[in-house]
Protein backbone atom coordinates (compact mmCIF):
# COMPACT_ATOMS: atom_id res chain seq x y z
CA MET A 1 90.87 162.65 138.00
CA LYS A 2 89.58 160.68 135.05
CA LYS A 3 85.93 159.96 134.39
CA HIS A 4 84.81 156.37 134.66
CA PRO A 5 84.73 154.46 131.35
CA LEU A 6 81.62 152.51 132.41
CA ARG A 7 79.56 155.56 131.46
CA PHE A 8 79.94 154.58 127.80
CA LEU A 9 77.50 151.71 128.39
CA GLY A 10 74.87 154.43 128.11
CA LEU A 11 75.46 154.43 124.37
CA LEU A 12 73.80 151.00 124.19
CA GLY A 13 70.54 152.81 124.90
CA LEU A 14 70.68 154.19 121.37
CA ILE A 15 70.01 150.68 120.06
CA GLY A 16 66.56 151.04 121.62
CA LEU A 17 65.76 153.62 118.97
CA ALA A 18 65.91 150.84 116.39
CA GLY A 19 62.67 149.56 117.94
CA LEU A 20 60.87 152.58 116.52
CA PHE A 21 61.92 151.77 112.97
CA THR A 22 61.79 147.97 113.03
CA GLY A 23 58.63 147.50 115.06
CA ASN A 24 60.51 145.24 117.48
CA TYR A 25 59.29 146.67 120.77
CA GLY A 26 61.60 144.39 122.74
CA LEU A 27 64.44 146.75 121.89
CA PHE A 28 62.85 149.45 124.04
CA GLY A 29 64.29 147.63 127.06
CA LEU A 30 67.71 148.86 126.00
CA PHE A 31 66.68 152.39 126.94
CA GLY A 32 67.56 151.37 130.49
CA PHE A 33 71.23 151.65 129.56
CA PHE A 34 70.85 155.43 129.47
CA GLY A 35 71.11 155.27 133.26
CA PHE A 36 74.84 154.60 132.92
CA PHE A 37 75.29 158.18 131.73
CA ALA A 38 74.82 159.16 135.39
CA LEU A 39 78.37 157.94 135.94
CA ASN A 40 79.58 161.15 134.27
CA ARG A 41 79.40 162.71 137.74
CA GLU A 42 81.48 159.96 139.35
CA LYS A 43 85.24 160.10 139.59
CA ASP A 44 87.25 157.01 138.78
CA ASP A 45 88.87 155.79 141.99
CA GLU A 46 89.87 152.56 143.67
CA MET A 47 86.67 152.12 145.64
CA LEU A 48 84.53 152.57 142.54
CA ARG A 49 86.59 149.96 140.70
CA GLN A 50 86.34 147.60 143.67
CA ASN A 51 82.57 148.02 143.88
CA MET A 52 82.24 147.52 140.15
CA ALA A 53 84.25 144.29 140.36
CA ARG A 54 82.12 143.00 143.23
CA ALA A 55 78.89 143.84 141.40
CA GLY A 56 80.22 142.20 138.24
CA PHE A 57 80.99 139.07 140.23
CA ASN A 58 77.38 138.98 141.47
CA ALA A 59 76.10 139.23 137.89
CA PHE A 60 78.54 136.50 136.86
CA LEU A 61 77.14 134.21 139.55
CA VAL A 62 73.63 134.78 138.20
CA SER A 63 74.77 133.68 134.75
CA LEU A 64 76.77 130.80 136.17
CA LEU A 65 73.64 129.44 137.80
CA GLY A 66 71.19 130.48 135.08
CA PHE A 67 72.73 129.09 131.91
CA PRO A 68 73.00 125.47 133.05
CA VAL A 69 69.30 125.59 133.97
CA ALA A 70 68.51 126.59 130.38
CA VAL A 71 70.60 123.72 129.00
CA ILE A 72 68.94 121.17 131.26
CA VAL A 73 65.41 122.36 130.51
CA THR A 74 65.98 122.39 126.75
CA GLN A 75 67.41 118.89 126.99
CA PHE A 76 64.14 117.74 128.50
CA LEU A 77 62.09 119.62 125.91
CA GLY A 78 63.99 117.94 123.10
CA ALA A 79 63.77 119.08 119.49
CA MET A 80 60.33 120.62 119.83
CA GLU A 81 59.64 124.12 118.59
CA SER A 82 58.78 125.14 122.15
CA ALA A 83 62.41 124.51 123.13
CA PHE A 84 63.57 127.19 120.70
CA VAL A 85 60.99 129.69 121.94
CA PHE A 86 61.93 128.85 125.53
CA LEU A 87 65.61 129.50 124.85
CA ILE A 88 64.96 132.87 123.26
CA MET A 89 62.78 134.06 126.13
CA TYR A 90 65.01 132.55 128.81
CA PHE A 91 68.19 134.17 127.52
CA ALA A 92 66.47 137.55 127.16
CA ILE A 93 65.17 137.36 130.71
CA LEU A 94 68.52 136.11 132.03
CA PHE A 95 70.30 139.03 130.33
CA ALA A 96 67.91 141.46 131.99
CA VAL A 97 68.39 139.77 135.37
CA GLN A 98 72.19 139.97 134.98
CA ILE A 99 72.08 143.68 134.21
CA LEU A 100 69.68 144.35 137.08
CA THR A 101 71.84 142.31 139.46
CA PHE A 102 74.87 144.36 138.46
CA VAL A 103 73.08 147.69 138.79
CA PHE A 104 71.38 146.98 142.12
CA SER A 105 74.44 145.44 143.74
CA PHE A 106 76.66 148.26 142.41
CA ASN A 107 74.30 150.84 143.90
CA TYR A 108 74.18 148.91 147.17
CA TYR A 109 77.97 148.79 147.44
CA GLU A 110 78.28 152.48 146.53
CA LYS A 111 75.74 153.55 149.14
CA ARG A 112 77.24 151.32 151.83
CA GLY A 113 80.60 152.94 151.31
CA ASP A 114 82.91 150.42 152.95
CA LEU A 115 84.89 147.64 151.34
CA GLY A 116 83.91 145.01 153.91
């Protein structure tokens, strides 16, 4: 059986090393992607693909609800400098929430074991 290709997301954790050289400590958050290397032990099967699709749908729903909120809030803030700072922080936090939603729901579906 083949190994699951999702394990290669662990390579994104190497970008976190750039935080050591650039002084941008926000990049250290990318070290969390090293957790995807744990999928080296998992075999690629139908249930794993199904659970991954369901978890990806949950993360998609988070972005589907989150991005319009950012557009509406920045519309109210107008052309102020605080709108730009808000967008940067909001998108960074929304990205983290999407990844966490995917990971937690994927783990939930894997532990539950059924497709229901």
